[in-house]
Amino acid sequence: MTVINEKFNVNTHGFTDIIDITQKVKHVVYKHNLESAVVHVYVAGSTVSITNIEFEPGLLVDLPEALEKIAPLDGVYHHDETWHDGNGYSHVRASIVGNNTMVPLIDGALQLGQWQQIVLIDFDNKSRTRTVYVQIVF
């Protein structure tokens, strides 16, 4: 088994900023000219997530609206009482969505659905630079 580790940075605005990172992931993976592998995409941080969605205008509204119902921005969070940083909601949202996804590479192509993209969602209450790690195992 061989493992390749790559990474790239993404600048965000926070507040449930949804960024399509599919092309960046493809660039990292395809430059290695592999036929078959498992591609693990991960972001470090407790207020940021990686997931798969259809990156289209409707879902870019629907997903934040759904998360606002689950973990509202103006909710009362014990985290905020402890740290006084006002981002308790972002920790809850990130833990629900998760911080990674895996995509198989078969016949040299990432096996994403026709309407499926890999996205980074930054829930924090400020702009950030996030590091995305791409691990390729073959």
Protein backbone atom coordinates (compact mmCIF):
# COMPACT_ATOMS: atom_id res chain seq x y z
CA MET A 1 0.00 0.00 0.00
CA THR A 2 1.26 3.44 -0.97
CA VAL A 3 0.04 6.70 0.54
CA ILE A 4 0.34 10.15 -1.03
CA ASN A 5 -0.38 13.18 1.16
CA GLU A 6 -1.25 16.54 -0.37
CA LYS A 7 -2.81 19.73 0.95
CA PHE A 8 -4.13 23.10 -0.19
CA ASN A 9 -5.54 26.20 1.50
CA VAL A 10 -8.99 27.71 1.13
CA ASN A 11 -9.85 31.26 2.22
CA THR A 12 -13.35 31.56 3.65
CA HIS A 13 -15.77 34.20 4.91
CA GLY A 14 -17.23 32.04 7.70
CA PHE A 15 -20.92 32.09 8.65
CA THR A 16 -21.76 28.90 6.70
CA ASP A 17 -19.64 29.84 3.69
CA ILE A 18 -19.98 26.94 1.21
CA ILE A 19 -17.07 26.58 -1.21
CA ASP A 20 -16.83 24.07 -4.06
CA ILE A 21 -13.39 22.46 -3.81
CA THR A 22 -13.99 19.69 -6.36
CA GLN A 23 -11.61 21.07 -8.98
CA LYS A 24 -8.82 21.57 -6.43
CA VAL A 25 -9.22 17.98 -5.25
CA LYS A 26 -9.26 16.71 -8.83
CA HIS A 27 -6.10 18.68 -9.62
CA VAL A 28 -4.30 17.15 -6.63
CA VAL A 29 -5.44 13.61 -7.48
CA TYR A 30 -5.11 13.62 -11.27
CA LYS A 31 -1.55 14.94 -11.33
CA HIS A 32 -0.45 11.53 -10.00
CA ASN A 33 -1.90 9.64 -13.02
CA LEU A 34 -3.31 6.81 -10.93
CA GLU A 35 -5.90 4.29 -12.08
CA SER A 36 -7.28 3.03 -8.78
CA ALA A 37 -7.16 4.50 -5.27
CA VAL A 38 -9.17 5.69 -2.31
CA VAL A 39 -9.17 9.47 -1.94
CA HIS A 40 -9.75 10.84 1.53
CA VAL A 41 -10.49 14.58 1.80
CA TYR A 42 -10.21 16.02 5.31
CA VAL A 43 -10.20 19.45 6.92
CA ALA A 44 -8.75 20.10 10.37
CA GLY A 45 -10.81 22.29 12.66
CA SER A 46 -13.83 22.08 14.93
CA THR A 47 -15.90 24.75 13.13
CA VAL A 48 -15.47 23.58 9.53
CA SER A 49 -16.77 20.66 7.48
CA ILE A 50 -16.21 18.71 4.28
CA THR A 51 -19.17 17.04 2.58
CA ASN A 52 -20.74 16.28 -0.80
CA ILE A 53 -23.69 18.20 -2.22
CA GLU A 54 -25.01 19.40 -5.52
CA PHE A 55 -23.39 22.85 -5.65
CA GLU A 56 -26.35 24.75 -7.06
CA PRO A 57 -28.12 27.97 -6.00
CA GLY A 58 -31.11 26.28 -4.38
CA LEU A 59 -29.06 24.01 -2.13
CA LEU A 60 -26.72 26.86 -1.28
CA VAL A 61 -29.78 28.40 0.41
CA ASP A 62 -31.50 25.19 1.59
CA LEU A 63 -28.54 23.75 3.50
CA PRO A 64 -27.82 26.86 5.60
CA GLU A 65 -31.56 27.27 6.28
CA ALA A 66 -31.81 23.66 7.48
CA LEU A 67 -28.74 24.04 9.70
CA GLU A 68 -30.15 27.28 11.12
CA LYS A 69 -33.17 25.28 12.33
CA ILE A 70 -30.95 22.68 13.98
CA ALA A 71 -28.26 24.95 15.46
CA PRO A 72 -29.38 28.60 15.21
CA LEU A 73 -26.80 31.36 15.09
CA ASP A 74 -28.49 33.20 17.95
CA GLY A 75 -29.05 30.12 20.11
CA VAL A 76 -27.74 29.77 23.64
CA TYR A 77 -24.67 27.50 23.78
CA HIS A 78 -22.69 26.35 26.80
CA HIS A 79 -19.56 26.69 24.67
CA ASP A 80 -20.16 30.44 24.42
CA GLU A 81 -20.66 30.67 28.18
CA THR A 82 -17.26 29.02 28.64
CA TRP A 83 -15.21 30.70 25.91
CA HIS A 84 -17.22 33.86 25.14
CA ASP A 85 -16.36 33.59 21.44
CA GLY A 86 -19.91 33.45 20.06
CA ASN A 87 -19.34 30.45 17.81
CA GLY A 88 -21.04 27.66 19.72
CA TYR A 89 -23.43 27.17 16.81
CA SER A 90 -20.48 26.59 14.46
CA HIS A 91 -19.12 23.74 16.58
CA VAL A 92 -22.53 22.03 16.64
CA ARG A 93 -23.03 22.42 12.88
CA ALA A 94 -19.54 21.16 12.05
CA SER A 95 -19.94 18.11 14.28
CA ILE A 96 -23.23 17.22 12.58
CA VAL A 97 -21.92 17.59 9.01
CA GLY A 98 -18.47 16.08 9.65
CA ASN A 99 -14.96 16.95 8.55
CA ASN A 100 -14.19 14.46 5.76
CA THR A 101 -15.35 12.49 2.76
CA MET A 102 -13.96 9.57 0.79
CA VAL A 103 -14.23 9.13 -2.97
CA PRO A 104 -13.03 6.11 -4.94
CA LEU A 105 -10.75 6.62 -7.91
CA ILE A 106 -11.62 4.02 -10.55
CA ASP A 107 -10.16 3.84 -14.05
CA GLY A 108 -8.38 7.13 -13.40
CA ALA A 109 -11.52 9.10 -12.51
CA LEU A 110 -12.98 10.23 -9.21
CA GLN A 111 -16.35 8.52 -8.85
CA LEU A 112 -18.52 11.54 -8.11
CA GLY A 113 -22.13 11.56 -9.19
CA GLN A 114 -23.15 13.75 -12.11
CA TRP A 115 -24.50 16.42 -9.75
CA GLN A 116 -22.14 15.79 -6.83
CA GLN A 117 -19.39 18.12 -5.72
CA ILE A 118 -16.99 18.15 -2.78
CA VAL A 119 -17.52 21.24 -0.64
CA LEU A 120 -15.93 22.90 2.33
CA ILE A 121 -18.33 24.66 4.69
CA ASP A 122 -16.87 27.14 7.17
CA PHE A 123 -19.31 27.73 10.02
CA ASP A 124 -17.09 29.95 12.17
CA ASN A 125 -18.04 33.54 12.93
CA LYS A 126 -15.05 35.06 11.12
CA SER A 127 -12.98 34.71 7.97
CA ARG A 128 -10.41 31.95 8.04
CA THR A 129 -7.78 30.20 5.98
CA ARG A 130 -8.50 26.49 6.09
CA THR A 131 -6.11 23.69 5.15
CA VAL A 132 -7.63 20.79 3.24
CA TYR A 133 -5.71 17.50 3.33
CA VAL A 134 -6.04 15.00 0.50
CA GLN A 135 -4.73 11.51 1.20
CA ILE A 136 -4.53 9.09 -1.71
CA VAL A 137 -4.17 5.41 -0.86
CA PHE A 138 -3.41 2.84 -3.55
